[in-house]
Amino acid sequence: MDKKLLALLLIYPLAIGAGTFYACYNLIKGELASRPPIAVIDEATFVQENLKAGATTQELEKLLVRSEQAASTLTENGFLVLRKNQVFSAPAEIEAKP
């Protein structure tokens, strides 16, 4: 077999594969850039887990401020933040802990 033909048979599919990969990568990268990552915060569970029995209103407010600060931090880092009570269904992987 001729060396030129063998090189063509090897290089041609590799070049086509590399070009396809590059095009698909740029397409996916562009689509992901237009859709922000999502985080869901469950404030009710956070308050239940961290609020002690007989706690004052000030302690409750501190927990809610902490939750809002976590949401603000996520927003500053490019996340779309949703409250869990306003989401019908979401996978557990996107839930953020304040």
PDB file of N, CA and C in Angstrom:
ATOM      1  N   MET A   1       0.836  -1.172   0.000  1.00  0.00           N
ATOM      2  CA  MET A   1       0.000   0.000   0.000  1.00  0.00           C
ATOM      3  C   MET A   1       0.892   1.249   0.000  1.00  0.00           C
ATOM      4  N   ASP A   2       0.475   2.199  -0.724  1.00  0.00           N
ATOM      5  CA  ASP A   2       1.234   3.437  -0.847  1.00  0.00           C
ATOM      6  C   ASP A   2       1.203   4.212   0.471  1.00  0.00           C
ATOM      7  N   LYS A   3       2.331   4.812   0.858  1.00  0.00           N
ATOM      8  CA  LYS A   3       2.419   5.547   2.124  1.00  0.00           C
ATOM      9  C   LYS A   3       1.522   6.784   2.109  1.00  0.00           C
ATOM     10  N   LYS A   4       1.378   7.424   0.970  1.00  0.00           N
ATOM     11  CA  LYS A   4       0.517   8.603   0.875  1.00  0.00           C
ATOM     12  C   LYS A   4      -0.945   8.216   1.099  1.00  0.00           C
ATOM     13  N   LEU A   5      -1.353   7.120   0.516  1.00  0.00           N
ATOM     14  CA  LEU A   5      -2.729   6.656   0.681  1.00  0.00           C
ATOM     15  C   LEU A   5      -2.988   6.251   2.125  1.00  0.00           C
ATOM     16  N   LEU A   6      -2.039   5.586   2.734  1.00  0.00           N
ATOM     17  CA  LEU A   6      -2.172   5.191   4.137  1.00  0.00           C
ATOM     18  C   LEU A   6      -2.252   6.425   5.044  1.00  0.00           C
ATOM     19  N   ALA A   7      -1.423   7.423   4.771  1.00  0.00           N
ATOM     20  CA  ALA A   7      -1.462   8.655   5.563  1.00  0.00           C
ATOM     21  C   ALA A   7      -2.798   9.369   5.374  1.00  0.00           C
ATOM     22  N   LEU A   8      -3.306   9.387   4.149  1.00  0.00           N
ATOM     23  CA  LEU A   8      -4.595  10.018   3.874  1.00  0.00           C
ATOM     24  C   LEU A   8      -5.724   9.279   4.598  1.00  0.00           C
ATOM     25  N   LEU A   9      -5.668   7.965   4.608  1.00  0.00           N
ATOM     26  CA  LEU A   9      -6.708   7.174   5.281  1.00  0.00           C
ATOM     27  C   LEU A   9      -6.679   7.359   6.794  1.00  0.00           C
ATOM     28  N   LEU A  10      -5.534   7.692   7.344  1.00  0.00           N
ATOM     29  CA  LEU A  10      -5.433   7.924   8.787  1.00  0.00           C
ATOM     30  C   LEU A  10      -5.711   9.379   9.162  1.00  0.00           C
ATOM     31  N   ILE A  11      -5.179  10.312   8.386  1.00  0.00           N
ATOM     32  CA  ILE A  11      -5.289  11.730   8.728  1.00  0.00           C
ATOM     33  C   ILE A  11      -6.685  12.273   8.440  1.00  0.00           C
ATOM     34  N   TYR A  12      -7.306  11.860   7.369  1.00  0.00           N
ATOM     35  CA  TYR A  12      -8.615  12.392   6.991  1.00  0.00           C
ATOM     36  C   TYR A  12      -9.669  12.166   8.091  1.00  0.00           C
ATOM     37  N   PRO A  13      -9.854  10.945   8.600  1.00  0.00           N
ATOM     38  CA  PRO A  13     -10.852  10.769   9.667  1.00  0.00           C
ATOM     39  C   PRO A  13     -10.487  11.523  10.953  1.00  0.00           C
ATOM     40  N   LEU A  14      -9.192  11.611  11.268  1.00  0.00           N
ATOM     41  CA  LEU A  14      -8.785  12.354  12.446  1.00  0.00           C
ATOM     42  C   LEU A  14      -9.086  13.842  12.291  1.00  0.00           C
ATOM     43  N   ALA A  15      -8.842  14.385  11.121  1.00  0.00           N
ATOM     44  CA  ALA A  15      -9.116  15.797  10.878  1.00  0.00           C
ATOM     45  C   ALA A  15     -10.616  16.073  10.938  1.00  0.00           C
ATOM     46  N   ILE A  16     -11.415  15.208  10.357  1.00  0.00           N
ATOM     47  CA  ILE A  16     -12.875  15.370  10.395  1.00  0.00           C
ATOM     48  C   ILE A  16     -13.368  15.280  11.846  1.00  0.00           C
ATOM     49  N   GLY A  17     -12.850  14.324  12.599  1.00  0.00           N
ATOM     50  CA  GLY A  17     -13.239  14.169  14.006  1.00  0.00           C
ATOM     51  C   GLY A  17     -12.849  15.382  14.844  1.00  0.00           C
ATOM     52  N   ALA A  18     -11.651  15.896  14.625  1.00  0.00           N
ATOM     53  CA  ALA A  18     -11.193  17.069  15.374  1.00  0.00           C
ATOM     54  C   ALA A  18     -12.035  18.294  15.035  1.00  0.00           C
ATOM     55  N   GLY A  19     -12.345  18.468  13.761  1.00  0.00           N
ATOM     56  CA  GLY A  19     -13.176  19.600  13.344  1.00  0.00           C
ATOM     57  C   GLY A  19     -14.579  19.508  13.924  1.00  0.00           C
ATOM     58  N   THR A  20     -15.152  18.313  13.939  1.00  0.00           N
ATOM     59  CA  THR A  20     -16.478  18.110  14.512  1.00  0.00           C
ATOM     60  C   THR A  20     -16.463  18.364  16.014  1.00  0.00           C
ATOM     61  N   PHE A  21     -15.435  17.871  16.681  1.00  0.00           N
ATOM     62  CA  PHE A  21     -15.318  18.102  18.118  1.00  0.00           C
ATOM     63  C   PHE A  21     -15.226  19.586  18.422  1.00  0.00           C
ATOM     64  N   TYR A  22     -14.417  20.306  17.671  1.00  0.00           N
ATOM     65  CA  TYR A  22     -14.236  21.742  17.891  1.00  0.00           C
ATOM     66  C   TYR A  22     -15.551  22.490  17.685  1.00  0.00           C
ATOM     67  N   ALA A  23     -16.277  22.153  16.626  1.00  0.00           N
ATOM     68  CA  ALA A  23     -17.555  22.815  16.353  1.00  0.00           C
ATOM     69  C   ALA A  23     -18.567  22.526  17.455  1.00  0.00           C
ATOM     70  N   CYS A  24     -18.663  21.282  17.871  1.00  0.00           N
ATOM     71  CA  CYS A  24     -19.610  20.916  18.935  1.00  0.00           C
ATOM     72  C   CYS A  24     -19.224  21.551  20.266  1.00  0.00           C
ATOM     73  N   TYR A  25     -17.944  21.593  20.553  1.00  0.00           N
ATOM     74  CA  TYR A  25     -17.470  22.199  21.803  1.00  0.00           C
ATOM     75  C   TYR A  25     -17.848  23.677  21.860  1.00  0.00           C
ATOM     76  N   ASN A  26     -17.630  24.397  20.773  1.00  0.00           N
ATOM     77  CA  ASN A  26     -17.978  25.823  20.739  1.00  0.00           C
ATOM     78  C   ASN A  26     -19.479  26.031  20.838  1.00  0.00           C
ATOM     79  N   LEU A  27     -20.253  25.166  20.220  1.00  0.00           N
ATOM     80  CA  LEU A  27     -21.706  25.270  20.296  1.00  0.00           C
ATOM     81  C   LEU A  27     -22.197  25.051  21.724  1.00  0.00           C
ATOM     82  N   ILE A  28     -21.709  24.023  22.378  1.00  0.00           N
ATOM     83  CA  ILE A  28     -22.103  23.727  23.754  1.00  0.00           C
ATOM     84  C   ILE A  28     -21.631  24.822  24.699  1.00  0.00           C
ATOM     85  N   LYS A  29     -20.412  25.305  24.503  1.00  0.00           N
ATOM     86  CA  LYS A  29     -19.873  26.371  25.348  1.00  0.00           C
ATOM     87  C   LYS A  29     -20.729  27.630  25.246  1.00  0.00           C
ATOM     88  N   GLY A  30     -21.156  27.968  24.059  1.00  0.00           N
ATOM     89  CA  GLY A  30     -22.019  29.134  23.857  1.00  0.00           C
ATOM     90  C   GLY A  30     -23.384  28.953  24.493  1.00  0.00           C
ATOM     91  N   GLU A  31     -23.946  27.768  24.384  1.00  0.00           N
ATOM     92  CA  GLU A  31     -25.251  27.498  24.988  1.00  0.00           C
ATOM     93  C   GLU A  31     -25.178  27.553  26.508  1.00  0.00           C
ATOM     94  N   LEU A  32     -24.126  27.009  27.086  1.00  0.00           N
ATOM     95  CA  LEU A  32     -23.982  27.049  28.541  1.00  0.00           C
ATOM     96  C   LEU A  32     -23.759  28.466  29.048  1.00  0.00           C
ATOM     97  N   ALA A  33     -23.099  29.293  28.260  1.00  0.00           N
ATOM     98  CA  ALA A  33     -22.857  30.674  28.669  1.00  0.00           C
ATOM     99  C   ALA A  33     -24.152  31.475  28.708  1.00  0.00           C
ATOM    100  N   SER A  34     -25.116  31.112  27.877  1.00  0.00           N
ATOM    101  CA  SER A  34     -26.381  31.845  27.857  1.00  0.00           C
ATOM    102  C   SER A  34     -27.363  31.357  28.919  1.00  0.00           C
ATOM    103  N   ARG A  35     -27.056  30.267  29.576  1.00  0.00           N
ATOM    104  CA  ARG A  35     -27.918  29.735  30.633  1.00  0.00           C
ATOM    105  C   ARG A  35     -27.146  29.682  31.941  1.00  0.00           C
ATOM    106  N   PRO A  36     -27.533  30.486  32.916  1.00  0.00           N
ATOM    107  CA  PRO A  36     -26.780  30.492  34.178  1.00  0.00           C
ATOM    108  C   PRO A  36     -27.020  29.208  34.964  1.00  0.00           C
ATOM    109  N   PRO A  37     -26.059  28.812  35.786  1.00  0.00           N
ATOM    110  CA  PRO A  37     -26.290  27.672  36.664  1.00  0.00           C
ATOM    111  C   PRO A  37     -27.366  28.030  37.692  1.00  0.00           C
ATOM    112  N   ILE A  38     -28.060  27.028  38.200  1.00  0.00           N
ATOM    113  CA  ILE A  38     -29.176  27.241  39.114  1.00  0.00           C
ATOM    114  C   ILE A  38     -28.839  26.668  40.481  1.00  0.00           C
ATOM    115  N   ALA A  39     -29.214  27.400  41.527  1.00  0.00           N
ATOM    116  CA  ALA A  39     -29.086  26.928  42.906  1.00  0.00           C
ATOM    117  C   ALA A  39     -30.442  27.101  43.581  1.00  0.00           C
ATOM    118  N   VAL A  40     -30.843  26.109  44.361  1.00  0.00           N
ATOM    119  CA  VAL A  40     -32.100  26.161  45.105  1.00  0.00           C
ATOM    120  C   VAL A  40     -31.772  26.193  46.589  1.00  0.00           C
ATOM    121  N   ILE A  41     -32.335  27.170  47.294  1.00  0.00           N
ATOM    122  CA  ILE A  41     -32.101  27.292  48.736  1.00  0.00           C
ATOM    123  C   ILE A  41     -33.393  26.959  49.474  1.00  0.00           C
ATOM    124  N   ASP A  42     -33.293  26.033  50.412  1.00  0.00           N
ATOM    125  CA  ASP A  42     -34.430  25.638  51.241  1.00  0.00           C
ATOM    126  C   ASP A  42     -34.325  26.363  52.578  1.00  0.00           C
ATOM    127  N   GLU A  43     -34.919  27.556  52.643  1.00  0.00           N
ATOM    128  CA  GLU A  43     -34.839  28.365  53.857  1.00  0.00           C
ATOM    129  C   GLU A  43     -35.553  27.718  55.032  1.00  0.00           C
ATOM    130  N   ALA A  44     -36.690  27.087  54.785  1.00  0.00           N
ATOM    131  CA  ALA A  44     -37.473  26.494  55.875  1.00  0.00           C
ATOM    132  C   ALA A  44     -36.685  25.406  56.584  1.00  0.00           C
ATOM    133  N   THR A  45     -36.067  24.512  55.829  1.00  0.00           N
ATOM    134  CA  THR A  45     -35.269  23.444  56.437  1.00  0.00           C
ATOM    135  C   THR A  45     -34.049  24.018  57.134  1.00  0.00           C
ATOM    136  N   PHE A  46     -33.418  25.023  56.541  1.00  0.00           N
ATOM    137  CA  PHE A  46     -32.261  25.660  57.150  1.00  0.00           C
ATOM    138  C   PHE A  46     -32.629  26.259  58.509  1.00  0.00           C
ATOM    139  N   VAL A  47     -33.752  26.952  58.569  1.00  0.00           N
ATOM    140  CA  VAL A  47     -34.186  27.557  59.834  1.00  0.00           C
ATOM    141  C   VAL A  47     -34.535  26.477  60.852  1.00  0.00           C
ATOM    142  N   GLN A  48     -35.234  25.436  60.431  1.00  0.00           N
ATOM    143  CA  GLN A  48     -35.604  24.351  61.347  1.00  0.00           C
ATOM    144  C   GLN A  48     -34.380  23.666  61.928  1.00  0.00           C
ATOM    145  N   GLU A  49     -33.362  23.460  61.115  1.00  0.00           N
ATOM    146  CA  GLU A  49     -32.166  22.769  61.582  1.00  0.00           C
ATOM    147  C   GLU A  49     -31.302  23.634  62.502  1.00  0.00           C
ATOM    148  N   ASN A  50     -31.357  24.952  62.343  1.00  0.00           N
ATOM    149  CA  ASN A  50     -30.447  25.830  63.077  1.00  0.00           C
ATOM    150  C   ASN A  50     -31.108  26.671  64.170  1.00  0.00           C
ATOM    151  N   LEU A  51     -32.421  26.693  64.226  1.00  0.00           N
ATOM    152  CA  LEU A  51     -33.111  27.484  65.237  1.00  0.00           C
ATOM    153  C   LEU A  51     -33.394  26.605  66.444  1.00  0.00           C
ATOM    154  N   LYS A  52     -32.907  27.025  67.583  1.00  0.00           N
ATOM    155  CA  LYS A  52     -33.088  26.260  68.814  1.00  0.00           C
ATOM    156  C   LYS A  52     -34.451  26.546  69.411  1.00  0.00           C
ATOM    157  N   ALA A  53     -34.930  25.640  70.223  1.00  0.00           N
ATOM    158  CA  ALA A  53     -36.223  25.830  70.891  1.00  0.00           C
ATOM    159  C   ALA A  53     -36.148  27.053  71.797  1.00  0.00           C
ATOM    160  N   GLY A  54     -37.182  27.873  71.777  1.00  0.00           N
ATOM    161  CA  GLY A  54     -37.220  29.071  72.601  1.00  0.00           C
ATOM    162  C   GLY A  54     -36.361  30.201  72.076  1.00  0.00           C
ATOM    163  N   ALA A  55     -36.035  30.176  70.800  1.00  0.00           N
ATOM    164  CA  ALA A  55     -35.187  31.203  70.216  1.00  0.00           C
ATOM    165  C   ALA A  55     -35.952  32.514  70.081  1.00  0.00           C
ATOM    166  N   THR A  56     -35.225  33.585  70.085  1.00  0.00           N
ATOM    167  CA  THR A  56     -35.835  34.905  69.964  1.00  0.00           C
ATOM    168  C   THR A  56     -36.031  35.268  68.491  1.00  0.00           C
ATOM    169  N   THR A  57     -36.777  36.336  68.296  1.00  0.00           N
ATOM    170  CA  THR A  57     -37.014  36.829  66.938  1.00  0.00           C
ATOM    171  C   THR A  57     -35.707  37.300  66.296  1.00  0.00           C
ATOM    172  N   GLN A  58     -34.812  37.833  67.109  1.00  0.00           N
ATOM    173  CA  GLN A  58     -33.520  38.309  66.585  1.00  0.00           C
ATOM    174  C   GLN A  58     -32.698  37.142  66.042  1.00  0.00           C
ATOM    175  N   GLU A  59     -32.742  36.011  66.717  1.00  0.00           N
ATOM    176  CA  GLU A  59     -32.002  34.838  66.227  1.00  0.00           C
ATOM    177  C   GLU A  59     -32.590  34.349  64.907  1.00  0.00           C
ATOM    178  N   LEU A  60     -33.906  34.390  64.781  1.00  0.00           N
ATOM    179  CA  LEU A  60     -34.554  34.006  63.534  1.00  0.00           C
ATOM    180  C   LEU A  60     -34.142  34.957  62.416  1.00  0.00           C
ATOM    181  N   GLU A  61     -34.126  36.248  62.717  1.00  0.00           N
ATOM    182  CA  GLU A  61     -33.720  37.235  61.714  1.00  0.00           C
ATOM    183  C   GLU A  61     -32.273  37.022  61.277  1.00  0.00           C
ATOM    184  N   LYS A  62     -31.399  36.658  62.214  1.00  0.00           N
ATOM    185  CA  LYS A  62     -29.999  36.390  61.872  1.00  0.00           C
ATOM    186  C   LYS A  62     -29.888  35.224  60.893  1.00  0.00           C
ATOM    187  N   LEU A  63     -30.689  34.181  61.123  1.00  0.00           N
ATOM    188  CA  LEU A  63     -30.665  33.031  60.216  1.00  0.00           C
ATOM    189  C   LEU A  63     -31.172  33.421  58.829  1.00  0.00           C
ATOM    190  N   LEU A  64     -32.213  34.231  58.784  1.00  0.00           N
ATOM    191  CA  LEU A  64     -32.747  34.653  57.495  1.00  0.00           C
ATOM    192  C   LEU A  64     -31.762  35.568  56.764  1.00  0.00           C
ATOM    193  N   VAL A  65     -31.073  36.426  57.502  1.00  0.00           N
ATOM    194  CA  VAL A  65     -30.053  37.287  56.883  1.00  0.00           C
ATOM    195  C   VAL A  65     -28.913  36.433  56.341  1.00  0.00           C
ATOM    196  N   ARG A  66     -28.532  35.413  57.093  1.00  0.00           N
ATOM    197  CA  ARG A  66     -27.461  34.506  56.642  1.00  0.00           C
ATOM    198  C   ARG A  66     -27.871  33.803  55.345  1.00  0.00           C
ATOM    199  N   SER A  67     -29.128  33.387  55.279  1.00  0.00           N
ATOM    200  CA  SER A  67     -29.639  32.742  54.076  1.00  0.00           C
ATOM    201  C   SER A  67     -29.637  33.714  52.896  1.00  0.00           C
ATOM    202  N   GLU A  68     -30.044  34.950  53.136  1.00  0.00           N
ATOM    203  CA  GLU A  68     -30.045  35.955  52.072  1.00  0.00           C
ATOM    204  C   GLU A  68     -28.627  36.287  51.619  1.00  0.00           C
ATOM    205  N   GLN A  69     -27.675  36.294  52.546  1.00  0.00           N
ATOM    206  CA  GLN A  69     -26.285  36.552  52.179  1.00  0.00           C
ATOM    207  C   GLN A  69     -25.730  35.431  51.307  1.00  0.00           C
ATOM    208  N   ALA A  70     -26.108  34.187  51.636  1.00  0.00           N
ATOM    209  CA  ALA A  70     -25.673  33.053  50.810  1.00  0.00           C
ATOM    210  C   ALA A  70     -26.254  33.180  49.402  1.00  0.00           C
ATOM    211  N   ALA A  71     -27.512  33.582  49.313  1.00  0.00           N
ATOM    212  CA  ALA A  71     -28.137  33.766  48.004  1.00  0.00           C
ATOM    213  C   ALA A  71     -27.454  34.896  47.234  1.00  0.00           C
ATOM    214  N   SER A  72     -27.116  35.979  47.919  1.00  0.00           N
ATOM    215  CA  SER A  72     -26.428  37.096  47.260  1.00  0.00           C
ATOM    216  C   SER A  72     -25.050  36.680  46.747  1.00  0.00           C
ATOM    217  N   THR A  73     -24.340  35.904  47.550  1.00  0.00           N
ATOM    218  CA  THR A  73     -23.018  35.420  47.136  1.00  0.00           C
ATOM    219  C   THR A  73     -23.129  34.548  45.894  1.00  0.00           C
ATOM    220  N   LEU A  74     -24.115  33.663  45.879  1.00  0.00           N
ATOM    221  CA  LEU A  74     -24.313  32.809  44.709  1.00  0.00           C
ATOM    222  C   LEU A  74     -24.673  33.652  43.486  1.00  0.00           C
ATOM    223  N   THR A  75     -25.524  34.648  43.679  1.00  0.00           N
ATOM    224  CA  THR A  75     -25.921  35.515  42.568  1.00  0.00           C
ATOM    225  C   THR A  75     -24.717  36.268  42.012  1.00  0.00           C
ATOM    226  N   GLU A  76     -23.857  36.761  42.895  1.00  0.00           N
ATOM    227  CA  GLU A  76     -22.657  37.468  42.447  1.00  0.00           C
ATOM    228  C   GLU A  76     -21.724  36.558  41.657  1.00  0.00           C
ATOM    229  N   ASN A  77     -21.801  35.255  41.926  1.00  0.00           N
ATOM    230  CA  ASN A  77     -20.959  34.287  41.215  1.00  0.00           C
ATOM    231  C   ASN A  77     -21.651  33.707  39.985  1.00  0.00           C
ATOM    232  N   GLY A  78     -22.763  34.327  39.569  1.00  0.00           N
ATOM    233  CA  GLY A  78     -23.398  33.942  38.313  1.00  0.00           C
ATOM    234  C   GLY A  78     -24.522  32.933  38.411  1.00  0.00           C
ATOM    235  N   PHE A  79     -24.982  32.602  39.599  1.00  0.00           N
ATOM    236  CA  PHE A  79     -26.048  31.622  39.759  1.00  0.00           C
ATOM    237  C   PHE A  79     -27.422  32.296  39.742  1.00  0.00           C
ATOM    238  N   LEU A  80     -28.398  31.577  39.253  1.00  0.00           N
ATOM    239  CA  LEU A  80     -29.790  31.945  39.405  1.00  0.00           C
ATOM    240  C   LEU A  80     -30.257  31.240  40.666  1.00  0.00           C
ATOM    241  N   VAL A  81     -30.710  31.976  41.675  1.00  0.00           N
ATOM    242  CA  VAL A  81     -31.064  31.402  42.971  1.00  0.00           C
ATOM    243  C   VAL A  81     -32.579  31.395  43.126  1.00  0.00           C
ATOM    244  N   LEU A  82     -33.123  30.228  43.475  1.00  0.00           N
ATOM    245  CA  LEU A  82     -34.563  30.064  43.678  1.00  0.00           C
ATOM    246  C   LEU A  82     -34.830  29.540  45.085  1.00  0.00           C
ATOM    247  N   ARG A  83     -35.965  29.932  45.651  1.00  0.00           N
ATOM    248  CA  ARG A  83     -36.385  29.375  46.938  1.00  0.00           C
ATOM    249  C   ARG A  83     -37.060  28.037  46.683  1.00  0.00           C
ATOM    250  N   LYS A  84     -36.804  27.070  47.552  1.00  0.00           N
ATOM    251  CA  LYS A  84     -37.329  25.723  47.339  1.00  0.00           C
ATOM    252  C   LYS A  84     -38.853  25.699  47.377  1.00  0.00           C
ATOM    253  N   ASN A  85     -39.477  26.545  48.213  1.00  0.00           N
ATOM    254  CA  ASN A  85     -40.932  26.532  48.293  1.00  0.00           C
ATOM    255  C   ASN A  85     -41.584  27.084  47.028  1.00  0.00           C
ATOM    256  N   GLN A  86     -40.823  27.694  46.139  1.00  0.00           N
ATOM    257  CA  GLN A  86     -41.346  28.209  44.885  1.00  0.00           C
ATOM    258  C   GLN A  86     -40.986  27.326  43.691  1.00  0.00           C
ATOM    259  N   VAL A  87     -40.316  26.211  43.955  1.00  0.00           N
ATOM    260  CA  VAL A  87     -39.910  25.289  42.897  1.00  0.00           C
ATOM    261  C   VAL A  87     -40.741  24.018  43.022  1.00  0.00           C
ATOM    262  N   PHE A  88     -41.344  23.605  41.927  1.00  0.00           N
ATOM    263  CA  PHE A  88     -42.170  22.402  41.952  1.00  0.00           C
ATOM    264  C   PHE A  88     -41.328  21.157  42.161  1.00  0.00           C
ATOM    265  N   SER A  89     -40.241  21.048  41.424  1.00  0.00           N
ATOM    266  CA  SER A  89     -39.372  19.874  41.529  1.00  0.00           C
ATOM    267  C   SER A  89     -37.971  20.253  41.063  1.00  0.00           C
ATOM    268  N   ALA A  90     -36.962  19.706  41.758  1.00  0.00           N
ATOM    269  CA  ALA A  90     -35.576  19.980  41.392  1.00  0.00           C
ATOM    270  C   ALA A  90     -34.708  18.849  41.900  1.00  0.00           C
ATOM    271  N   PRO A  91     -33.633  18.512  41.171  1.00  0.00           N
ATOM    272  CA  PRO A  91     -32.727  17.480  41.658  1.00  0.00           C
ATOM    273  C   PRO A  91     -31.953  17.958  42.888  1.00  0.00           C
ATOM    274  N   ALA A  92     -31.600  17.047  43.741  1.00  0.00           N
ATOM    275  CA  ALA A  92     -30.910  17.383  44.995  1.00  0.00           C
ATOM    276  C   ALA A  92     -29.524  17.987  44.736  1.00  0.00           C
ATOM    277  N   GLU A  93     -28.939  17.716  43.580  1.00  0.00           N
ATOM    278  CA  GLU A  93     -27.579  18.199  43.301  1.00  0.00           C
ATOM    279  C   GLU A  93     -27.501  19.721  43.204  1.00  0.00           C
ATOM    280  N   ILE A  94     -28.608  20.386  42.873  1.00  0.00           N
ATOM    281  CA  ILE A  94     -28.536  21.836  42.706  1.00  0.00           C
ATOM    282  C   ILE A  94     -28.943  22.583  43.979  1.00  0.00           C
ATOM    283  N   GLU A  95     -29.235  21.865  45.045  1.00  0.00           N
ATOM    284  CA  GLU A  95     -29.631  22.529  46.286  1.00  0.00           C
ATOM    285  C   GLU A  95     -28.405  23.089  46.991  1.00  0.00           C
ATOM    286  N   ALA A  96     -28.479  24.348  47.361  1.00  0.00           N
ATOM    287  CA  ALA A  96     -27.377  25.035  48.032  1.00  0.00           C
ATOM    288  C   ALA A  96     -27.679  25.136  49.521  1.00  0.00           C
ATOM    289  N   LYS A  97     -26.679  24.902  50.330  1.00  0.00           N
ATOM    290  CA  LYS A  97     -26.812  25.020  51.781  1.00  0.00           C
ATOM    291  C   LYS A  97     -26.260  26.368  52.222  1.00  0.00           C
ATOM    292  N   PRO A  98     -27.092  27.216  52.882  1.00  0.00           N
ATOM    293  CA  PRO A  98     -26.589  28.523  53.349  1.00  0.00           C
ATOM    294  C   PRO A  98     -25.564  28.375  54.451  1.00  0.00           C
TER     295      PRO A  98
END
